[in-house]
N, C-alpha and C. Protein backbone atom coordinates (compact mmCIF):
# COMPACT_ATOMS: atom_id res chain seq x y z
N MET A 1 3.75 19.02 -19.12
CA MET A 1 3.02 19.23 -17.89
C MET A 1 3.73 18.51 -16.74
N ILE A 2 3.76 19.13 -15.58
CA ILE A 2 4.43 18.55 -14.43
C ILE A 2 3.50 17.54 -13.77
N ALA A 3 4.04 16.36 -13.47
CA ALA A 3 3.25 15.32 -12.81
C ALA A 3 3.05 15.69 -11.34
N VAL A 4 1.82 15.54 -10.88
CA VAL A 4 1.49 15.84 -9.49
C VAL A 4 1.20 14.52 -8.78
N SER A 5 1.84 14.34 -7.63
CA SER A 5 1.62 13.11 -6.88
C SER A 5 0.21 13.13 -6.28
N PRO A 6 -0.34 11.96 -6.01
CA PRO A 6 -1.66 11.91 -5.38
C PRO A 6 -1.70 12.66 -4.05
N LEU A 7 -0.60 12.61 -3.31
CA LEU A 7 -0.53 13.31 -2.03
C LEU A 7 -0.58 14.82 -2.24
N ASP A 8 0.15 15.32 -3.23
CA ASP A 8 0.12 16.75 -3.55
C ASP A 8 -1.28 17.18 -3.97
N ASP A 9 -1.91 16.35 -4.79
CA ASP A 9 -3.25 16.66 -5.28
C ASP A 9 -4.24 16.71 -4.12
N LEU A 10 -4.18 15.74 -3.22
CA LEU A 10 -5.09 15.71 -2.09
C LEU A 10 -4.85 16.92 -1.18
N ALA A 11 -3.60 17.25 -0.92
CA ALA A 11 -3.28 18.42 -0.09
C ALA A 11 -3.82 19.69 -0.72
N ARG A 12 -3.69 19.82 -2.02
CA ARG A 12 -4.19 21.00 -2.73
C ARG A 12 -5.72 21.07 -2.64
N ARG A 13 -6.37 19.92 -2.79
CA ARG A 13 -7.84 19.90 -2.71
C ARG A 13 -8.32 20.24 -1.30
N LEU A 14 -7.60 19.76 -0.29
CA LEU A 14 -7.96 20.11 1.09
C LEU A 14 -7.80 21.60 1.32
N ALA A 15 -6.72 22.18 0.81
CA ALA A 15 -6.50 23.62 0.95
C ALA A 15 -7.61 24.40 0.25
N ASP A 16 -8.07 23.89 -0.88
CA ASP A 16 -9.15 24.55 -1.61
C ASP A 16 -10.47 24.55 -0.82
N LEU A 17 -10.63 23.58 0.08
CA LEU A 17 -11.85 23.48 0.87
C LEU A 17 -11.90 24.49 2.02
N VAL A 18 -10.75 25.06 2.37
CA VAL A 18 -10.71 26.06 3.45
C VAL A 18 -11.42 27.31 2.95
N PRO A 19 -12.39 27.80 3.73
CA PRO A 19 -13.14 28.99 3.29
C PRO A 19 -12.22 30.20 3.10
N PRO A 20 -12.54 31.04 2.13
CA PRO A 20 -11.71 32.23 1.85
C PRO A 20 -11.50 33.12 3.07
N GLU A 21 -12.54 33.23 3.93
CA GLU A 21 -12.41 34.08 5.12
C GLU A 21 -11.29 33.56 6.04
N ALA A 22 -11.20 32.25 6.15
CA ALA A 22 -10.16 31.65 7.00
C ALA A 22 -8.77 31.88 6.39
N ARG A 23 -8.70 31.81 5.08
CA ARG A 23 -7.41 32.05 4.41
C ARG A 23 -6.95 33.49 4.61
N GLU A 24 -7.92 34.41 4.59
CA GLU A 24 -7.57 35.83 4.76
C GLU A 24 -7.01 36.10 6.15
N ARG A 25 -7.46 35.32 7.13
CA ARG A 25 -6.99 35.51 8.51
C ARG A 25 -5.53 35.11 8.68
N LEU A 26 -5.00 34.36 7.72
CA LEU A 26 -3.60 33.96 7.82
C LEU A 26 -2.67 35.15 7.60
N GLY A 27 -3.19 36.22 7.03
CA GLY A 27 -2.41 37.44 6.87
C GLY A 27 -1.42 37.44 5.72
N ALA A 28 -1.42 36.42 4.93
CA ALA A 28 -0.50 36.34 3.80
C ALA A 28 -1.30 36.54 2.51
N PRO A 29 -0.61 36.90 1.42
CA PRO A 29 -1.31 36.98 0.14
C PRO A 29 -2.00 35.65 -0.17
N ALA A 30 -3.09 35.71 -0.92
CA ALA A 30 -3.93 34.54 -1.17
C ALA A 30 -3.14 33.35 -1.70
N ARG A 31 -2.30 33.57 -2.68
CA ARG A 31 -1.53 32.46 -3.26
C ARG A 31 -0.56 31.86 -2.25
N GLU A 32 0.10 32.72 -1.49
CA GLU A 32 1.05 32.25 -0.49
C GLU A 32 0.31 31.49 0.62
N ALA A 33 -0.85 31.98 1.01
CA ALA A 33 -1.65 31.29 2.03
C ALA A 33 -2.06 29.91 1.55
N MET A 34 -2.47 29.82 0.30
CA MET A 34 -2.86 28.52 -0.27
C MET A 34 -1.67 27.57 -0.31
N ASP A 35 -0.52 28.09 -0.69
CA ASP A 35 0.69 27.25 -0.73
C ASP A 35 1.06 26.76 0.67
N ASP A 36 0.94 27.65 1.67
CA ASP A 36 1.24 27.25 3.05
C ASP A 36 0.26 26.20 3.55
N LEU A 37 -1.02 26.42 3.29
CA LEU A 37 -2.04 25.44 3.69
C LEU A 37 -1.78 24.09 3.04
N SER A 38 -1.51 24.14 1.75
CA SER A 38 -1.25 22.91 1.02
C SER A 38 -0.04 22.17 1.57
N ALA A 39 1.02 22.91 1.87
CA ALA A 39 2.23 22.29 2.43
C ALA A 39 1.95 21.69 3.80
N ASN A 40 1.17 22.38 4.63
CA ASN A 40 0.84 21.86 5.95
C ASN A 40 -0.03 20.61 5.84
N PHE A 41 -1.01 20.64 4.96
CA PHE A 41 -1.84 19.44 4.75
C PHE A 41 -0.99 18.27 4.25
N LYS A 42 -0.09 18.56 3.34
CA LYS A 42 0.77 17.51 2.79
C LYS A 42 1.64 16.90 3.89
N ASP A 43 2.23 17.73 4.73
CA ASP A 43 3.05 17.22 5.84
C ASP A 43 2.22 16.38 6.80
N THR A 44 1.02 16.84 7.10
CA THR A 44 0.15 16.10 8.01
C THR A 44 -0.26 14.77 7.40
N LEU A 45 -0.62 14.77 6.13
CA LEU A 45 -0.98 13.52 5.45
C LEU A 45 0.19 12.55 5.41
N ARG A 46 1.36 13.07 5.07
CA ARG A 46 2.55 12.23 4.99
C ARG A 46 2.86 11.61 6.36
N SER A 47 2.74 12.40 7.41
CA SER A 47 3.00 11.91 8.77
C SER A 47 1.99 10.83 9.15
N GLY A 48 0.73 11.05 8.83
CA GLY A 48 -0.31 10.06 9.14
C GLY A 48 -0.10 8.77 8.37
N LEU A 49 0.26 8.87 7.12
CA LEU A 49 0.48 7.67 6.31
C LEU A 49 1.70 6.90 6.80
N ARG A 50 2.72 7.63 7.26
CA ARG A 50 3.93 6.98 7.78
C ARG A 50 3.60 6.12 9.01
N ARG A 51 2.69 6.62 9.84
CA ARG A 51 2.30 5.88 11.05
C ARG A 51 1.52 4.61 10.71
N LEU A 52 0.90 4.57 9.55
CA LEU A 52 0.13 3.39 9.15
C LEU A 52 1.02 2.23 8.75
N ASP A 53 2.30 2.48 8.56
CA ASP A 53 3.27 1.44 8.20
C ASP A 53 2.83 0.70 6.93
N LEU A 54 2.53 1.46 5.90
CA LEU A 54 2.10 0.90 4.62
C LEU A 54 3.29 0.45 3.80
N VAL A 55 3.04 -0.44 2.85
CA VAL A 55 4.09 -0.87 1.93
C VAL A 55 3.78 -0.29 0.56
N THR A 56 4.81 -0.20 -0.26
CA THR A 56 4.60 0.29 -1.62
C THR A 56 3.94 -0.80 -2.45
N ARG A 57 3.40 -0.40 -3.56
CA ARG A 57 2.77 -1.36 -4.47
C ARG A 57 3.81 -2.38 -4.95
N GLU A 58 5.02 -1.91 -5.21
CA GLU A 58 6.09 -2.80 -5.66
C GLU A 58 6.40 -3.86 -4.60
N GLU A 59 6.51 -3.44 -3.33
CA GLU A 59 6.76 -4.41 -2.26
C GLU A 59 5.62 -5.40 -2.13
N PHE A 60 4.40 -4.92 -2.26
CA PHE A 60 3.23 -5.79 -2.19
C PHE A 60 3.27 -6.82 -3.31
N ASP A 61 3.56 -6.38 -4.53
CA ASP A 61 3.59 -7.30 -5.68
C ASP A 61 4.69 -8.35 -5.53
N VAL A 62 5.84 -7.95 -5.01
CA VAL A 62 6.94 -8.90 -4.78
C VAL A 62 6.49 -9.97 -3.78
N GLN A 63 5.89 -9.54 -2.67
CA GLN A 63 5.45 -10.50 -1.66
C GLN A 63 4.33 -11.40 -2.19
N ARG A 64 3.49 -10.84 -3.05
CA ARG A 64 2.42 -11.65 -3.66
C ARG A 64 3.02 -12.76 -4.52
N CYS A 65 4.04 -12.44 -5.29
CA CYS A 65 4.71 -13.44 -6.13
C CYS A 65 5.38 -14.51 -5.26
N VAL A 66 6.02 -14.09 -4.19
CA VAL A 66 6.65 -15.04 -3.28
C VAL A 66 5.60 -15.97 -2.70
N LEU A 67 4.48 -15.42 -2.28
CA LEU A 67 3.41 -16.22 -1.71
C LEU A 67 2.85 -17.21 -2.74
N LEU A 68 2.67 -16.78 -3.96
CA LEU A 68 2.16 -17.68 -5.01
C LEU A 68 3.13 -18.84 -5.27
N ARG A 69 4.42 -18.52 -5.34
CA ARG A 69 5.42 -19.58 -5.55
C ARG A 69 5.44 -20.54 -4.36
N THR A 70 5.35 -20.00 -3.17
CA THR A 70 5.35 -20.85 -1.97
C THR A 70 4.12 -21.75 -1.96
N ARG A 71 2.98 -21.20 -2.31
CA ARG A 71 1.75 -22.00 -2.37
C ARG A 71 1.89 -23.12 -3.39
N GLU A 72 2.47 -22.84 -4.54
CA GLU A 72 2.68 -23.88 -5.56
C GLU A 72 3.60 -24.98 -5.04
N MET A 73 4.64 -24.57 -4.32
CA MET A 73 5.57 -25.56 -3.76
C MET A 73 4.89 -26.42 -2.71
N VAL A 74 4.07 -25.83 -1.86
CA VAL A 74 3.35 -26.58 -0.83
C VAL A 74 2.40 -27.57 -1.48
N GLU A 75 1.69 -27.13 -2.51
CA GLU A 75 0.77 -28.04 -3.20
C GLU A 75 1.52 -29.20 -3.85
N ALA A 76 2.67 -28.91 -4.45
CA ALA A 76 3.48 -29.98 -5.06
C ALA A 76 3.97 -30.95 -4.00
N LEU A 77 4.41 -30.43 -2.85
CA LEU A 77 4.87 -31.30 -1.77
C LEU A 77 3.72 -32.13 -1.19
N GLU A 78 2.54 -31.53 -1.06
CA GLU A 78 1.39 -32.29 -0.58
C GLU A 78 1.07 -33.44 -1.54
N HIS A 79 1.13 -33.14 -2.83
CA HIS A 79 0.87 -34.17 -3.84
C HIS A 79 1.90 -35.29 -3.74
N ARG A 80 3.16 -34.91 -3.59
CA ARG A 80 4.24 -35.90 -3.49
C ARG A 80 4.09 -36.76 -2.23
N ILE A 81 3.74 -36.14 -1.12
CA ILE A 81 3.52 -36.88 0.13
C ILE A 81 2.38 -37.87 -0.05
N ALA A 82 1.31 -37.45 -0.70
CA ALA A 82 0.18 -38.35 -0.94
C ALA A 82 0.61 -39.54 -1.79
N GLU A 83 1.45 -39.29 -2.79
CA GLU A 83 1.97 -40.38 -3.63
C GLU A 83 2.80 -41.35 -2.80
N LEU A 84 3.70 -40.80 -1.98
CA LEU A 84 4.56 -41.66 -1.14
C LEU A 84 3.74 -42.45 -0.13
N GLU A 85 2.73 -41.82 0.46
CA GLU A 85 1.87 -42.53 1.39
C GLU A 85 1.10 -43.64 0.68
N ALA A 86 0.68 -43.38 -0.52
CA ALA A 86 -0.03 -44.40 -1.30
C ALA A 86 0.91 -45.57 -1.60
N MET A 87 2.16 -45.26 -1.94
CA MET A 87 3.14 -46.31 -2.21
C MET A 87 3.41 -47.13 -0.95
N LEU A 88 3.55 -46.47 0.18
CA LEU A 88 3.78 -47.18 1.44
C LEU A 88 2.56 -48.03 1.82
N GLY A 89 1.38 -47.50 1.59
CA GLY A 89 0.15 -48.24 1.88
C GLY A 89 0.02 -49.47 1.00
N ALA A 90 0.44 -49.35 -0.25
CA ALA A 90 0.34 -50.48 -1.17
C ALA A 90 1.34 -51.56 -0.79
N LYS A 91 2.51 -51.17 -0.32
CA LYS A 91 3.53 -52.15 0.09
C LYS A 91 3.13 -52.83 1.40
N ALA A 92 2.47 -52.10 2.30
CA ALA A 92 2.09 -52.65 3.60
C ALA A 92 0.85 -53.54 3.51
N ALA A 93 0.09 -53.38 2.48
CA ALA A 93 -1.15 -54.18 2.35
C ALA A 93 -0.82 -55.63 2.05
N PRO A 94 -1.52 -56.56 2.74
CA PRO A 94 -1.28 -57.99 2.47
C PRO A 94 -1.76 -58.39 1.08
N HIS A 95 -1.03 -59.32 0.49
CA HIS A 95 -1.37 -59.77 -0.86
C HIS A 95 -2.24 -60.98 -0.80
């Protein structure tokens, strides 16, 4: 079976929602009219999604990993700074 992308599936479903009377007005055979409608919907959807400036799931996951590593490093540095400040405070305190 051929894999259908979500965009292709959505375009096909939108074309299916067009009433048969409207499809007949296109003047093409029913199958060809459906294919044209589907292609037009797909192009319109693709254009709209492009304007949204979305990232792929892979790009999102990579950035999520980078953020998690950065957060771990910040927490480790905060802990280290607290230790150093405690050491400095202990040395500065009168005996």
